[in-house]
Amino acid sequence: MSEMIFKGLFDAETAYVIGVSDFLVCIISSLVIGLIIAVMYTYQNEYTRSFIVTLAMIPAIVCAVIMMVNGNVGAGVATAGAFSLVRFRSLPGTAKEIGILFLAMGTGLITGMGYIAYGFLFAVVLSAVYLLYARIGFGTKKQAAKQFALKKTMRITIPEDLDYTAVFDDIFEQYTDTRELVSVKTTNMGSLFRLTYEMTLKDSSMEKALIDDIRCRNGNLEITVSRQETAVVPEL
């Protein structure tokens, strides 16, 4: 009776019908593998709850799809094309996030083909390698990270009667190695200018002194300092 319920409407008489027990074994195994990958990713990484939950479910989802197209070349090609169009995040992910998503999809492909042990082996080996690289700091450039910490974006508000072209040059010369005025914007009905600078500080401890000197020059109007938006963050 169960075979009749779970048989596809378009299955031919010679087509192999996946048993319910086999289907459940593959899905449950994929969920366990997804949980292993998700727990591994939480080590020394920033993440959101939705991303971790999705990561844990991807192997089972891919596994189910692959089981349904198993043996059908045309459906398999169509599925591969659909996967290539999937956007997992609303914003572009980092290389690390994309890599872990491919790992989860790879395990789902393996278990969907029925190789449960290979799926576990693949997930465990890749997870161990990932944790090893994270532990030893493989690929980390400490000097690059230090330089990145000195790169800042500064937004300065000045009154409209203040000539902004060179008003802060002497201050920047004292506290920064490089600086560039990247944008000028009017605000408050045109009575104020908002200047945006990209700069590299000589020393991170000079940031407060720099702000204090600019406050004296811009009439104590709003000043914002943030991590440089165009800087490249060094990957772990």
Protein backbone atom coordinates (compact mmCIF):
# COMPACT_ATOMS: atom_id res chain seq x y z
CA MET A 1 0.00 0.00 0.00
CA SER A 2 2.79 2.44 0.93
CA GLU A 3 4.51 1.75 -2.40
CA MET A 4 1.36 2.78 -4.24
CA ILE A 5 1.05 6.01 -2.20
CA PHE A 6 4.63 7.10 -2.80
CA LYS A 7 4.83 6.02 -6.42
CA GLY A 8 5.08 8.86 -8.91
CA LEU A 9 2.14 9.50 -11.18
CA PHE A 10 4.41 9.50 -14.22
CA ASP A 11 6.67 6.56 -13.27
CA ALA A 12 7.02 3.92 -15.94
CA GLU A 13 6.58 0.28 -15.07
CA THR A 14 10.32 -0.29 -15.34
CA ALA A 15 11.26 2.75 -13.25
CA TYR A 16 12.81 2.20 -9.85
CA VAL A 17 10.68 3.60 -7.04
CA ILE A 18 12.64 4.77 -3.99
CA GLY A 19 11.37 3.04 -0.86
CA VAL A 20 10.03 5.14 2.01
CA SER A 21 12.61 3.69 4.40
CA ASP A 22 15.48 4.47 2.01
CA PHE A 23 14.15 7.98 1.50
CA LEU A 24 13.96 8.61 5.25
CA VAL A 25 17.45 7.19 5.84
CA CYS A 26 18.93 9.56 3.26
CA ILE A 27 17.00 12.60 4.50
CA ILE A 28 17.79 11.99 8.18
CA SER A 29 21.45 11.36 7.36
CA SER A 30 21.55 14.60 5.37
CA LEU A 31 20.00 16.51 8.29
CA VAL A 32 22.65 15.10 10.65
CA ILE A 33 25.41 16.05 8.21
CA GLY A 34 23.91 19.53 7.86
CA LEU A 35 23.90 19.89 11.64
CA ILE A 36 27.58 18.91 11.77
CA ILE A 37 28.46 21.50 9.13
CA ALA A 38 26.39 24.22 10.84
CA VAL A 39 27.98 23.57 14.24
CA MET A 40 31.43 23.58 12.64
CA TYR A 41 30.74 26.93 10.98
CA THR A 42 29.87 28.59 14.30
CA TYR A 43 33.51 28.19 15.40
CA GLN A 44 35.23 31.59 15.25
CA ASN A 45 32.74 32.97 12.72
CA GLU A 46 30.09 35.66 12.84
CA TYR A 47 26.70 34.38 11.70
CA THR A 48 22.97 34.93 11.86
CA ARG A 49 20.44 32.40 13.11
CA SER A 50 18.69 32.26 9.73
CA PHE A 51 21.95 31.48 7.93
CA ILE A 52 22.84 28.64 10.33
CA VAL A 53 19.35 27.11 10.11
CA THR A 54 19.45 27.29 6.31
CA LEU A 55 22.95 25.79 6.26
CA ALA A 56 21.76 22.86 8.36
CA MET A 57 18.83 22.19 6.00
CA ILE A 58 20.55 22.56 2.62
CA PRO A 59 22.01 18.99 2.50
CA ALA A 60 18.56 17.48 3.07
CA ILE A 61 16.95 19.72 0.46
CA VAL A 62 19.58 18.90 -2.17
CA CYS A 63 19.43 15.22 -1.21
CA ALA A 64 15.66 15.08 -1.80
CA VAL A 65 15.95 16.80 -5.18
CA ILE A 66 18.74 14.50 -6.35
CA MET A 67 16.79 11.41 -5.29
CA MET A 68 13.82 12.60 -7.29
CA VAL A 69 15.86 13.09 -10.49
CA ASN A 70 18.10 10.05 -10.01
CA GLY A 71 18.57 8.30 -13.34
CA ASN A 72 16.96 11.08 -15.36
CA VAL A 73 19.73 12.94 -17.21
CA GLY A 74 17.45 15.69 -18.52
CA ALA A 75 16.00 16.44 -15.09
CA GLY A 76 19.48 16.36 -13.57
CA VAL A 77 20.78 18.98 -16.03
CA ALA A 78 17.72 21.17 -15.40
CA THR A 79 18.22 20.89 -11.64
CA ALA A 80 21.88 21.88 -11.93
CA GLY A 81 20.85 24.95 -13.92
CA ALA A 82 18.28 25.88 -11.28
CA PHE A 83 20.86 25.58 -8.50
CA SER A 84 23.17 27.93 -10.39
CA LEU A 85 20.49 30.63 -10.27
CA VAL A 86 19.76 30.34 -6.55
CA ARG A 87 20.72 33.34 -4.41
CA PHE A 88 21.23 32.18 -0.85
CA ARG A 89 21.62 35.65 0.62
CA SER A 90 19.95 38.96 -0.12
CA LEU A 91 23.44 40.50 -0.03
CA PRO A 92 26.57 39.11 -1.70
CA GLY A 93 28.20 36.58 0.61
CA THR A 94 31.86 36.33 1.50
CA ALA A 95 34.09 33.66 -0.03
CA LYS A 96 33.87 31.79 3.27
CA GLU A 97 30.05 31.72 3.22
CA ILE A 98 29.94 30.66 -0.42
CA GLY A 99 32.43 27.87 0.29
CA ILE A 100 30.44 26.50 3.21
CA LEU A 101 27.25 26.56 1.12
CA PHE A 102 28.96 24.54 -1.59
CA LEU A 103 30.14 22.09 1.08
CA ALA A 104 26.55 21.65 2.28
CA MET A 105 25.30 21.19 -1.29
CA GLY A 106 28.07 18.69 -2.02
CA THR A 107 27.10 16.49 0.93
CA GLY A 108 23.47 16.63 -0.21
CA LEU A 109 24.47 15.48 -3.68
CA ILE A 110 26.43 12.55 -2.23
CA THR A 111 23.68 11.36 0.12
CA GLY A 112 21.07 11.90 -2.60
CA MET A 113 22.94 9.38 -4.74
CA GLY A 114 22.67 6.91 -1.86
CA TYR A 115 26.28 7.07 -0.61
CA ILE A 116 25.50 7.81 3.04
CA ALA A 117 28.90 6.81 4.43
CA TYR A 118 30.73 8.85 1.78
CA GLY A 119 28.53 11.83 2.67
CA PHE A 120 29.52 11.61 6.34
CA LEU A 121 33.17 11.04 5.44
CA PHE A 122 33.21 14.01 3.08
CA ALA A 123 31.58 16.32 5.66
CA VAL A 124 33.87 15.20 8.51
CA VAL A 125 37.09 15.50 6.48
CA LEU A 126 36.22 18.94 5.05
CA SER A 127 35.03 20.18 8.44
CA ALA A 128 38.25 19.00 10.08
CA VAL A 129 40.34 20.75 7.43
CA TYR A 130 38.29 23.94 7.83
CA LEU A 131 38.73 23.92 11.63
CA LEU A 132 42.45 23.24 11.25
CA TYR A 133 42.90 26.21 8.91
CA ALA A 134 40.90 28.44 11.27
CA ARG A 135 42.94 27.25 14.25
CA ILE A 136 46.34 27.92 12.72
CA GLY A 137 45.20 31.17 11.06
CA PHE A 138 45.96 29.92 7.58
CA GLY A 139 45.99 32.77 5.05
CA THR A 140 45.84 35.51 7.69
CA LYS A 141 48.02 38.53 7.02
CA LYS A 142 48.57 40.23 10.36
CA GLN A 143 50.30 43.21 8.80
CA ALA A 144 47.42 43.68 6.36
CA ALA A 145 44.92 43.51 9.23
CA LYS A 146 46.88 46.17 11.10
CA GLN A 147 46.94 48.46 8.07
CA PHE A 148 43.21 47.92 7.57
CA ALA A 149 42.53 49.11 11.15
CA LEU A 150 44.18 52.45 10.30
CA LYS A 151 41.97 53.09 7.26
CA LYS A 152 39.03 55.30 8.16
CA THR A 153 36.11 57.10 6.55
CA MET A 154 35.48 60.50 8.13
CA ARG A 155 32.38 62.65 7.57
CA ILE A 156 32.66 66.26 8.66
CA THR A 157 29.84 68.81 8.78
CA ILE A 158 30.86 72.43 8.22
CA PRO A 159 28.94 75.73 7.86
CA GLU A 160 28.32 76.98 4.33
CA ASP A 161 30.58 80.01 4.75
CA LEU A 162 33.67 77.87 5.47
CA ASP A 163 35.86 77.13 2.43
CA TYR A 164 36.32 73.37 2.57
CA THR A 165 38.98 73.04 -0.15
CA ALA A 166 41.97 73.28 2.19
CA VAL A 167 40.52 74.07 5.59
CA PHE A 168 41.72 70.84 7.25
CA ASP A 169 44.95 70.23 5.31
CA ASP A 170 47.30 71.15 8.16
CA ILE A 171 45.41 68.91 10.61
CA PHE A 172 45.40 65.96 8.22
CA GLU A 173 49.10 66.45 7.56
CA GLN A 174 49.74 66.00 11.27
CA TYR A 175 47.60 62.91 11.88
CA THR A 176 47.30 61.00 8.58
CA ASP A 177 49.54 59.38 6.00
CA THR A 178 47.01 59.60 3.18
CA ARG A 179 43.70 61.44 2.80
CA GLU A 180 41.29 62.13 -0.02
CA LEU A 181 38.09 64.15 -0.23
CA VAL A 182 35.71 61.76 -1.99
CA SER A 183 32.38 63.57 -1.77
CA VAL A 184 30.74 66.88 -0.84
CA LYS A 185 27.04 67.10 0.01
CA THR A 186 24.81 69.98 1.07
CA THR A 187 22.47 69.43 3.99
CA ASN A 188 20.06 71.31 6.27
CA MET A 189 18.48 73.26 3.39
CA GLY A 190 21.89 74.13 1.97
CA SER A 191 23.13 75.85 5.14
CA LEU A 192 25.69 73.11 5.84
CA PHE A 193 28.18 71.02 3.87
CA ARG A 194 28.94 67.37 4.65
CA LEU A 195 32.43 66.32 3.56
CA THR A 196 33.50 62.67 3.26
CA TYR A 197 37.20 61.81 3.47
CA GLU A 198 39.00 58.50 2.99
CA MET A 199 42.18 58.48 5.07
CA THR A 200 44.90 56.36 6.63
CA LEU A 201 45.90 57.33 10.17
CA LYS A 202 49.53 57.41 11.22
CA ASP A 203 48.57 55.78 14.53
CA SER A 204 45.22 54.47 15.77
CA SER A 205 45.77 56.25 19.09
CA MET A 206 45.64 59.61 17.26
CA GLU A 207 41.97 59.28 16.31
CA LYS A 208 40.55 61.23 19.28
CA ALA A 209 43.13 64.00 18.96
CA LEU A 210 42.28 64.32 15.27
CA ILE A 211 38.56 64.65 16.05
CA ASP A 212 39.21 67.24 18.78
CA ASP A 213 41.27 69.43 16.44
CA ILE A 214 38.64 69.23 13.69
CA ARG A 215 35.90 70.14 16.17
CA CYS A 216 37.70 73.37 16.91
CA ARG A 217 37.85 74.12 13.19
CA ASN A 218 34.27 73.21 12.15
CA GLY A 219 32.45 74.93 14.99
CA ASN A 220 31.79 71.72 16.94
CA LEU A 221 29.39 70.42 14.30
CA GLU A 222 28.82 66.70 13.69
CA ILE A 223 31.84 64.48 12.93
CA THR A 224 31.57 60.77 12.13
CA VAL A 225 34.48 58.31 11.91
CA SER A 226 33.97 54.74 10.68
CA ARG A 227 35.84 51.82 9.16
CA GLN A 228 36.81 52.65 5.60
CA GLU A 229 33.99 51.48 3.34
CA THR A 230 36.16 50.82 0.29
CA ALA A 231 38.88 48.92 2.16
CA VAL A 232 39.37 45.21 1.52
CA VAL A 233 38.93 43.17 4.69
CA PRO A 234 41.63 40.51 5.05
CA GLU A 235 40.07 37.01 5.01
CA LEU A 236 40.82 34.42 7.66
